[in-house]
Amino acid sequence: MTLEYVISFIKALGMFIVGLTAFRLMGSQAVGRLTDFDLVVAIAIGALIAKPLSDPDLNLWISVVAILALVIAQIVFSWLSLKSIAFERIVAGKPIKVIENGSIIMKGLHKARLSKNELNEELRVKGFKSPSEVQQVFLEPNGKISVFEKSNQELSSKDHV
């Protein structure tokens, strides 16, 4: 085994530790609930980890400093999002209503870039046969669907009509 391979192995381990540390510093929201901003940061960190491993001429510390800058930016943006609703909406976005009173809101679907088939699939995964069974549905900024059921009273009065 040559010295070059040993150095590559050590660099890879070092960048792995830098990447893991970066995500730990950013907190669980960066991985568990990816917003658009968090996704961009995660992709950028991945690219910055890979670059010095694939290009031996690149200074490793340039990538480490760039990763540190992204981590600081993500932490600051998260903190500002906690302090300002307006800033949070700019960074994370806001929920998009796609169903109201069991009716699909086409404008919401277009804004969310979601097809009726995709919406119906999400409803089936959550145990609903059709949009008429739910009161409201939102596409959240992290890409997940929130479903609010119709009350039992609403459902039973519909069955008696």
N, C-alpha and C. Protein backbone atom coordinates (compact mmCIF):
# COMPACT_ATOMS: atom_id res chain seq x y z
N MET A 1 0.86 -1.18 0.00
CA MET A 1 0.00 0.00 0.00
C MET A 1 0.90 1.24 0.00
N THR A 2 0.62 2.13 -0.90
CA THR A 2 1.47 3.32 -1.01
C THR A 2 0.98 4.41 -0.08
N LEU A 3 1.83 5.38 0.12
CA LEU A 3 1.52 6.53 0.97
C LEU A 3 0.31 7.30 0.44
N GLU A 4 0.19 7.34 -0.88
CA GLU A 4 -0.93 8.04 -1.51
C GLU A 4 -2.28 7.46 -1.07
N TYR A 5 -2.38 6.13 -0.99
CA TYR A 5 -3.61 5.47 -0.56
C TYR A 5 -3.89 5.74 0.91
N VAL A 6 -2.88 5.73 1.71
CA VAL A 6 -3.04 6.01 3.14
C VAL A 6 -3.54 7.44 3.34
N ILE A 7 -2.96 8.37 2.61
CA ILE A 7 -3.40 9.77 2.71
C ILE A 7 -4.85 9.91 2.26
N SER A 8 -5.24 9.25 1.17
CA SER A 8 -6.63 9.29 0.70
C SER A 8 -7.58 8.72 1.73
N PHE A 9 -7.17 7.62 2.36
CA PHE A 9 -8.00 6.99 3.39
C PHE A 9 -8.18 7.94 4.58
N ILE A 10 -7.13 8.56 5.03
CA ILE A 10 -7.19 9.49 6.16
C ILE A 10 -8.03 10.72 5.80
N LYS A 11 -7.86 11.23 4.56
CA LYS A 11 -8.67 12.38 4.12
C LYS A 11 -10.16 12.02 4.13
N ALA A 12 -10.49 10.83 3.64
CA ALA A 12 -11.89 10.40 3.59
C ALA A 12 -12.48 10.31 5.00
N LEU A 13 -11.73 9.72 5.91
CA LEU A 13 -12.20 9.64 7.30
C LEU A 13 -12.36 11.04 7.90
N GLY A 14 -11.40 11.90 7.64
CA GLY A 14 -11.47 13.26 8.15
C GLY A 14 -12.67 14.02 7.61
N MET A 15 -12.93 13.90 6.31
CA MET A 15 -14.08 14.59 5.72
C MET A 15 -15.40 13.99 6.20
N PHE A 16 -15.40 12.68 6.45
CA PHE A 16 -16.59 12.06 7.02
C PHE A 16 -16.89 12.66 8.40
N ILE A 17 -15.86 12.80 9.20
CA ILE A 17 -16.02 13.38 10.54
C ILE A 17 -16.47 14.84 10.43
N VAL A 18 -15.90 15.59 9.49
CA VAL A 18 -16.31 16.99 9.28
C VAL A 18 -17.79 17.03 8.89
N GLY A 19 -18.20 16.16 7.95
CA GLY A 19 -19.60 16.13 7.52
C GLY A 19 -20.55 15.75 8.64
N LEU A 20 -20.19 14.73 9.39
CA LEU A 20 -21.03 14.30 10.51
C LEU A 20 -21.14 15.40 11.57
N THR A 21 -20.02 16.03 11.86
CA THR A 21 -20.02 17.14 12.82
C THR A 21 -20.88 18.29 12.33
N ALA A 22 -20.80 18.58 11.03
CA ALA A 22 -21.60 19.67 10.46
C ALA A 22 -23.09 19.41 10.66
N PHE A 23 -23.54 18.19 10.37
CA PHE A 23 -24.95 17.88 10.52
C PHE A 23 -25.38 17.84 11.99
N ARG A 24 -24.50 17.44 12.87
CA ARG A 24 -24.80 17.47 14.31
C ARG A 24 -24.95 18.91 14.79
N LEU A 25 -24.08 19.79 14.32
CA LEU A 25 -24.16 21.20 14.71
C LEU A 25 -25.43 21.87 14.20
N MET A 26 -25.86 21.47 13.01
CA MET A 26 -27.06 22.07 12.42
C MET A 26 -28.32 21.58 13.12
N GLY A 27 -28.27 20.44 13.76
CA GLY A 27 -29.43 19.93 14.48
C GLY A 27 -30.24 18.96 13.66
N SER A 28 -31.15 18.29 14.34
CA SER A 28 -31.92 17.22 13.69
C SER A 28 -32.86 17.73 12.61
N GLN A 29 -33.28 19.00 12.69
CA GLN A 29 -34.20 19.50 11.67
C GLN A 29 -33.57 19.50 10.30
N ALA A 30 -32.25 19.58 10.23
CA ALA A 30 -31.58 19.62 8.94
C ALA A 30 -31.72 18.31 8.18
N VAL A 31 -31.89 17.21 8.88
CA VAL A 31 -32.01 15.92 8.21
C VAL A 31 -33.44 15.38 8.32
N GLY A 32 -34.06 15.53 9.47
CA GLY A 32 -35.38 14.96 9.69
C GLY A 32 -36.50 15.67 8.96
N ARG A 33 -36.40 16.95 8.81
CA ARG A 33 -37.46 17.75 8.16
C ARG A 33 -36.81 18.71 7.16
N LEU A 34 -36.40 18.20 6.05
CA LEU A 34 -35.66 19.02 5.10
C LEU A 34 -36.56 20.07 4.43
N THR A 35 -36.23 21.33 4.64
CA THR A 35 -36.83 22.40 3.87
C THR A 35 -35.95 22.58 2.63
N ASP A 36 -36.38 23.44 1.73
CA ASP A 36 -35.57 23.70 0.54
C ASP A 36 -34.18 24.19 0.92
N PHE A 37 -34.13 25.10 1.89
CA PHE A 37 -32.86 25.65 2.34
C PHE A 37 -31.96 24.55 2.91
N ASP A 38 -32.51 23.70 3.76
CA ASP A 38 -31.73 22.61 4.36
C ASP A 38 -31.22 21.64 3.29
N LEU A 39 -32.05 21.38 2.29
CA LEU A 39 -31.65 20.47 1.21
C LEU A 39 -30.47 21.05 0.43
N VAL A 40 -30.53 22.34 0.13
CA VAL A 40 -29.42 22.99 -0.59
C VAL A 40 -28.14 22.92 0.24
N VAL A 41 -28.25 23.18 1.53
CA VAL A 41 -27.07 23.11 2.40
C VAL A 41 -26.52 21.69 2.43
N ALA A 42 -27.40 20.69 2.54
CA ALA A 42 -26.94 19.30 2.59
C ALA A 42 -26.24 18.90 1.29
N ILE A 43 -26.79 19.29 0.16
CA ILE A 43 -26.17 18.97 -1.13
C ILE A 43 -24.82 19.67 -1.25
N ALA A 44 -24.77 20.94 -0.85
CA ALA A 44 -23.52 21.70 -0.93
C ALA A 44 -22.45 21.07 -0.04
N ILE A 45 -22.84 20.66 1.17
CA ILE A 45 -21.87 20.02 2.06
C ILE A 45 -21.37 18.71 1.45
N GLY A 46 -22.27 17.94 0.86
CA GLY A 46 -21.86 16.71 0.20
C GLY A 46 -20.86 16.96 -0.91
N ALA A 47 -21.11 17.99 -1.70
CA ALA A 47 -20.17 18.33 -2.78
C ALA A 47 -18.83 18.79 -2.22
N LEU A 48 -18.88 19.56 -1.14
CA LEU A 48 -17.64 20.05 -0.53
C LEU A 48 -16.84 18.93 0.13
N ILE A 49 -17.52 17.91 0.60
CA ILE A 49 -16.83 16.74 1.15
C ILE A 49 -16.16 15.95 0.03
N ALA A 50 -16.87 15.80 -1.08
CA ALA A 50 -16.37 14.98 -2.18
C ALA A 50 -15.21 15.63 -2.94
N LYS A 51 -15.24 16.94 -3.06
CA LYS A 51 -14.25 17.63 -3.90
C LYS A 51 -12.80 17.34 -3.51
N PRO A 52 -12.39 17.53 -2.26
CA PRO A 52 -10.98 17.27 -1.95
C PRO A 52 -10.61 15.79 -2.00
N LEU A 53 -11.62 14.93 -1.91
CA LEU A 53 -11.33 13.49 -2.00
C LEU A 53 -11.07 13.07 -3.44
N SER A 54 -11.73 13.75 -4.38
CA SER A 54 -11.56 13.39 -5.79
C SER A 54 -10.45 14.20 -6.47
N ASP A 55 -10.07 15.31 -5.87
CA ASP A 55 -9.01 16.15 -6.44
C ASP A 55 -7.88 16.31 -5.42
N PRO A 56 -6.83 15.52 -5.55
CA PRO A 56 -5.75 15.56 -4.55
C PRO A 56 -5.01 16.90 -4.51
N ASP A 57 -5.13 17.70 -5.57
CA ASP A 57 -4.46 19.00 -5.60
C ASP A 57 -5.22 20.07 -4.82
N LEU A 58 -6.48 19.80 -4.50
CA LEU A 58 -7.29 20.79 -3.78
C LEU A 58 -6.95 20.76 -2.29
N ASN A 59 -6.80 21.92 -1.74
CA ASN A 59 -6.49 22.04 -0.32
C ASN A 59 -7.71 21.63 0.50
N LEU A 60 -7.54 20.65 1.34
CA LEU A 60 -8.61 20.11 2.19
C LEU A 60 -9.25 21.19 3.05
N TRP A 61 -8.46 22.12 3.54
CA TRP A 61 -8.95 23.14 4.47
C TRP A 61 -9.90 24.13 3.80
N ILE A 62 -9.79 24.29 2.49
CA ILE A 62 -10.73 25.17 1.77
C ILE A 62 -12.14 24.60 1.91
N SER A 63 -12.27 23.29 1.73
CA SER A 63 -13.58 22.65 1.88
C SER A 63 -14.07 22.70 3.32
N VAL A 64 -13.19 22.48 4.27
CA VAL A 64 -13.58 22.51 5.69
C VAL A 64 -14.10 23.90 6.05
N VAL A 65 -13.41 24.95 5.61
CA VAL A 65 -13.86 26.33 5.90
C VAL A 65 -15.19 26.61 5.21
N ALA A 66 -15.35 26.15 3.98
CA ALA A 66 -16.62 26.36 3.26
C ALA A 66 -17.77 25.63 3.96
N ILE A 67 -17.51 24.41 4.43
CA ILE A 67 -18.54 23.67 5.18
C ILE A 67 -18.89 24.41 6.46
N LEU A 68 -17.90 24.91 7.15
CA LEU A 68 -18.14 25.68 8.36
C LEU A 68 -19.01 26.91 8.06
N ALA A 69 -18.74 27.59 6.96
CA ALA A 69 -19.54 28.75 6.57
C ALA A 69 -21.00 28.35 6.32
N LEU A 70 -21.22 27.21 5.66
CA LEU A 70 -22.59 26.75 5.41
C LEU A 70 -23.30 26.38 6.71
N VAL A 71 -22.58 25.73 7.62
CA VAL A 71 -23.16 25.37 8.92
C VAL A 71 -23.57 26.64 9.68
N ILE A 72 -22.69 27.62 9.70
CA ILE A 72 -23.00 28.88 10.39
C ILE A 72 -24.21 29.55 9.74
N ALA A 73 -24.24 29.58 8.41
CA ALA A 73 -25.39 30.18 7.71
C ALA A 73 -26.68 29.44 8.06
N GLN A 74 -26.64 28.12 8.08
CA GLN A 74 -27.85 27.34 8.39
C GLN A 74 -28.30 27.61 9.81
N ILE A 75 -27.38 27.66 10.75
CA ILE A 75 -27.73 27.93 12.16
C ILE A 75 -28.31 29.33 12.30
N VAL A 76 -27.69 30.31 11.67
CA VAL A 76 -28.17 31.70 11.75
C VAL A 76 -29.55 31.81 11.11
N PHE A 77 -29.74 31.20 9.94
CA PHE A 77 -31.04 31.26 9.27
C PHE A 77 -32.11 30.57 10.11
N SER A 78 -31.77 29.45 10.73
CA SER A 78 -32.74 28.77 11.61
C SER A 78 -33.11 29.64 12.79
N TRP A 79 -32.12 30.29 13.39
CA TRP A 79 -32.37 31.17 14.53
C TRP A 79 -33.25 32.35 14.10
N LEU A 80 -32.92 32.96 12.96
CA LEU A 80 -33.73 34.08 12.47
C LEU A 80 -35.15 33.63 12.14
N SER A 81 -35.30 32.40 11.64
CA SER A 81 -36.63 31.86 11.35
C SER A 81 -37.46 31.70 12.62
N LEU A 82 -36.80 31.37 13.73
CA LEU A 82 -37.50 31.26 15.01
C LEU A 82 -37.95 32.63 15.52
N LYS A 83 -37.18 33.66 15.18
CA LYS A 83 -37.45 35.01 15.68
C LYS A 83 -38.43 35.79 14.79
N SER A 84 -38.54 35.43 13.53
CA SER A 84 -39.35 36.21 12.59
C SER A 84 -40.17 35.29 11.69
N ILE A 85 -41.47 35.43 11.77
CA ILE A 85 -42.37 34.63 10.92
C ILE A 85 -42.14 34.97 9.45
N ALA A 86 -41.94 36.26 9.16
CA ALA A 86 -41.70 36.68 7.78
C ALA A 86 -40.42 36.03 7.24
N PHE A 87 -39.37 36.03 8.03
CA PHE A 87 -38.11 35.41 7.61
C PHE A 87 -38.29 33.91 7.42
N GLU A 88 -39.04 33.28 8.31
CA GLU A 88 -39.30 31.84 8.21
C GLU A 88 -40.01 31.52 6.90
N ARG A 89 -40.98 32.35 6.53
CA ARG A 89 -41.71 32.10 5.28
C ARG A 89 -40.81 32.27 4.06
N ILE A 90 -39.87 33.21 4.14
CA ILE A 90 -38.92 33.41 3.03
C ILE A 90 -38.01 32.19 2.90
N VAL A 91 -37.48 31.72 4.02
CA VAL A 91 -36.52 30.62 4.01
C VAL A 91 -37.21 29.27 3.80
N ALA A 92 -38.26 29.01 4.55
CA ALA A 92 -38.87 27.68 4.55
C ALA A 92 -40.11 27.57 3.67
N GLY A 93 -40.75 28.69 3.40
CA GLY A 93 -42.00 28.64 2.66
C GLY A 93 -43.17 28.54 3.61
N LYS A 94 -44.37 28.37 3.06
CA LYS A 94 -45.55 28.21 3.90
C LYS A 94 -46.41 27.10 3.34
N PRO A 95 -47.29 26.56 4.16
CA PRO A 95 -48.13 25.45 3.69
C PRO A 95 -49.06 25.91 2.56
N ILE A 96 -49.38 24.98 1.68
CA ILE A 96 -50.28 25.26 0.56
C ILE A 96 -51.52 24.39 0.74
N LYS A 97 -52.67 25.04 0.83
CA LYS A 97 -53.93 24.30 0.99
C LYS A 97 -54.32 23.70 -0.36
N VAL A 98 -54.58 22.38 -0.37
CA VAL A 98 -54.95 21.70 -1.60
C VAL A 98 -56.35 21.08 -1.55
N ILE A 99 -56.92 20.98 -0.36
CA ILE A 99 -58.31 20.52 -0.20
C ILE A 99 -58.98 21.35 0.87
N GLU A 100 -60.20 21.78 0.61
CA GLU A 100 -61.02 22.50 1.59
C GLU A 100 -62.42 21.92 1.53
N ASN A 101 -62.95 21.50 2.68
CA ASN A 101 -64.29 20.90 2.77
C ASN A 101 -64.49 19.76 1.78
N GLY A 102 -63.47 18.94 1.61
CA GLY A 102 -63.57 17.77 0.74
C GLY A 102 -63.41 18.07 -0.74
N SER A 103 -63.21 19.35 -1.10
CA SER A 103 -63.06 19.72 -2.52
C SER A 103 -61.62 20.08 -2.82
N ILE A 104 -61.14 19.56 -3.94
CA ILE A 104 -59.77 19.85 -4.35
C ILE A 104 -59.68 21.29 -4.82
N ILE A 105 -58.64 21.98 -4.36
CA ILE A 105 -58.38 23.36 -4.78
C ILE A 105 -57.34 23.30 -5.90
N MET A 106 -57.79 23.48 -7.12
CA MET A 106 -56.90 23.34 -8.27
C MET A 106 -55.76 24.36 -8.24
N LYS A 107 -56.06 25.57 -7.82
CA LYS A 107 -55.03 26.60 -7.72
C LYS A 107 -53.92 26.16 -6.76
N GLY A 108 -54.31 25.53 -5.66
CA GLY A 108 -53.34 25.01 -4.70
C GLY A 108 -52.51 23.88 -5.28
N LEU A 109 -53.16 22.99 -6.04
CA LEU A 109 -52.43 21.90 -6.68
C LEU A 109 -51.39 22.43 -7.66
N HIS A 110 -51.80 23.43 -8.44
CA HIS A 110 -50.86 24.01 -9.41
C HIS A 110 -49.69 24.68 -8.70
N LYS A 111 -49.99 25.41 -7.64
CA LYS A 111 -48.93 26.09 -6.88
C LYS A 111 -47.97 25.06 -6.27
N ALA A 112 -48.50 23.94 -5.80
CA ALA A 112 -47.70 22.88 -5.18
C ALA A 112 -47.05 21.97 -6.22
N ARG A 113 -47.42 22.15 -7.48
CA ARG A 113 -46.95 21.28 -8.57
C ARG A 113 -47.24 19.82 -8.23
N LEU A 114 -48.49 19.60 -7.85
CA LEU A 114 -48.95 18.29 -7.41
C LEU A 114 -50.12 17.88 -8.30
N SER A 115 -50.11 16.68 -8.85
CA SER A 115 -51.22 16.23 -9.69
C SER A 115 -52.33 15.65 -8.80
N LYS A 116 -53.52 15.53 -9.38
CA LYS A 116 -54.63 14.91 -8.65
C LYS A 116 -54.28 13.48 -8.27
N ASN A 117 -53.62 12.77 -9.18
CA ASN A 117 -53.23 11.39 -8.89
C ASN A 117 -52.28 11.31 -7.71
N GLU A 118 -51.29 12.22 -7.66
CA GLU A 118 -50.35 12.23 -6.54
C GLU A 118 -51.07 12.56 -5.23
N LEU A 119 -52.00 13.51 -5.28
CA LEU A 119 -52.77 13.87 -4.09
C LEU A 119 -53.60 12.69 -3.62
N ASN A 120 -54.29 12.04 -4.55
CA ASN A 120 -55.12 10.87 -4.19
C ASN A 120 -54.25 9.75 -3.62
N GLU A 121 -53.06 9.56 -4.17
CA GLU A 121 -52.15 8.55 -3.65
C GLU A 121 -51.76 8.86 -2.20
N GLU A 122 -51.43 10.13 -1.93
CA GLU A 122 -51.09 10.54 -0.56
C GLU A 122 -52.27 10.31 0.39
N LEU A 123 -53.48 10.59 -0.07
CA LEU A 123 -54.66 10.37 0.77
C LEU A 123 -54.86 8.88 1.06
N ARG A 124 -54.68 8.04 0.03
CA ARG A 124 -54.82 6.59 0.24
C ARG A 124 -53.79 6.07 1.23
N VAL A 125 -52.55 6.57 1.14
CA VAL A 125 -51.50 6.16 2.07
C VAL A 125 -51.91 6.50 3.50
N LYS A 126 -52.64 7.59 3.67
CA LYS A 126 -53.08 8.02 5.00
C LYS A 126 -54.43 7.39 5.38
N GLY A 127 -54.98 6.51 4.52
CA GLY A 127 -56.19 5.77 4.87
C GLY A 127 -57.50 6.38 4.39
N PHE A 128 -57.46 7.30 3.45
CA PHE A 128 -58.68 7.91 2.93
C PHE A 128 -58.91 7.46 1.49
N LYS A 129 -60.19 7.19 1.16
CA LYS A 129 -60.51 6.71 -0.19
C LYS A 129 -60.68 7.85 -1.18
N SER A 130 -61.11 9.01 -0.70
CA SER A 130 -61.32 10.13 -1.61
C SER A 130 -61.19 11.46 -0.87
N PRO A 131 -61.02 12.55 -1.62
CA PRO A 131 -60.93 13.87 -0.99
C PRO A 131 -62.18 14.25 -0.20
N SER A 132 -63.32 13.71 -0.58
CA SER A 132 -64.56 14.06 0.12
C SER A 132 -64.57 13.61 1.58
N GLU A 133 -63.65 12.72 1.96
CA GLU A 133 -63.58 12.22 3.33
C GLU A 133 -62.79 13.14 4.27
N VAL A 134 -62.16 14.17 3.72
CA VAL A 134 -61.32 15.03 4.55
C VAL A 134 -61.82 16.46 4.55
N GLN A 135 -61.53 17.17 5.64
CA GLN A 135 -61.91 18.58 5.77
C GLN A 135 -60.90 19.47 5.04
N GLN A 136 -59.62 19.31 5.40
CA GLN A 136 -58.57 20.12 4.79
C GLN A 136 -57.31 19.28 4.59
N VAL A 137 -56.55 19.64 3.55
CA VAL A 137 -55.26 19.02 3.30
C VAL A 137 -54.29 20.12 2.90
N PHE A 138 -53.09 20.07 3.49
CA PHE A 138 -52.04 21.04 3.19
C PHE A 138 -50.79 20.30 2.73
N LEU A 139 -50.10 20.89 1.77
CA LEU A 139 -48.75 20.45 1.44
C LEU A 139 -47.83 21.34 2.26
N GLU A 140 -47.08 20.73 3.18
CA GLU A 140 -46.20 21.47 4.08
C GLU A 140 -44.91 21.85 3.38
N PRO A 141 -44.21 22.87 3.88
CA PRO A 141 -42.95 23.30 3.25
C PRO A 141 -41.89 22.20 3.15
N ASN A 142 -41.96 21.20 4.03
CA ASN A 142 -40.97 20.11 3.96
C ASN A 142 -41.40 19.00 3.00
N GLY A 143 -42.52 19.19 2.28
CA GLY A 143 -42.97 18.23 1.29
C GLY A 143 -43.96 17.20 1.79
N LYS A 144 -44.24 17.21 3.08
CA LYS A 144 -45.18 16.24 3.65
C LYS A 144 -46.61 16.79 3.53
N ILE A 145 -47.55 15.86 3.57
CA ILE A 145 -48.97 16.20 3.47
C ILE A 145 -49.59 16.14 4.87
N SER A 146 -50.31 17.19 5.25
CA SER A 146 -51.07 17.20 6.50
C SER A 146 -52.55 17.07 6.16
N VAL A 147 -53.22 16.12 6.81
CA VAL A 147 -54.63 15.85 6.52
C VAL A 147 -55.44 16.06 7.79
N PHE A 148 -56.51 16.84 7.66
CA PHE A 148 -57.46 17.05 8.76
C PHE A 148 -58.77 16.39 8.36
N GLU A 149 -59.16 15.40 9.16
CA GLU A 149 -60.37 14.64 8.86
C GLU A 149 -61.62 15.47 9.11
N LYS A 150 -62.69 15.08 8.41
CA LYS A 150 -64.00 15.63 8.74
C LYS A 150 -64.42 15.01 10.06
N SER A 151 -65.18 15.74 10.84
CA SER A 151 -65.64 15.20 12.12
C SER A 151 -66.61 14.06 11.86
N ASN A 152 -66.76 13.17 12.85
CA ASN A 152 -67.69 12.05 12.71
C ASN A 152 -69.11 12.53 12.46
N GLN A 153 -69.46 13.68 13.07
CA GLN A 153 -70.80 14.24 12.88
C GLN A 153 -71.02 14.63 11.42
N GLU A 154 -70.03 15.25 10.80
CA GLU A 154 -70.14 15.64 9.39
C GLU A 154 -70.28 14.41 8.51
N LEU A 155 -69.50 13.36 8.81
CA LEU A 155 -69.54 12.14 8.01
C LEU A 155 -70.90 11.43 8.16
N SER A 156 -71.41 11.34 9.39
CA SER A 156 -72.66 10.63 9.61
C SER A 156 -73.84 11.40 9.02
N SER A 157 -73.84 12.74 9.08
CA SER A 157 -74.94 13.51 8.50
C SER A 157 -74.91 13.38 6.97
N LYS A 158 -73.75 13.20 6.38
CA LYS A 158 -73.64 13.00 4.94
C LYS A 158 -74.22 11.65 4.55
N ASP A 159 -74.02 10.63 5.40
CA ASP A 159 -74.54 9.30 5.11
C ASP A 159 -76.07 9.26 5.16
N HIS A 160 -76.67 10.16 5.95
CA HIS A 160 -78.13 10.15 6.11
C HIS A 160 -78.82 11.01 5.06
N VAL A 161 -78.10 11.72 4.26
CA VAL A 161 -78.71 12.62 3.27
C VAL A 161 -79.13 11.86 2.05
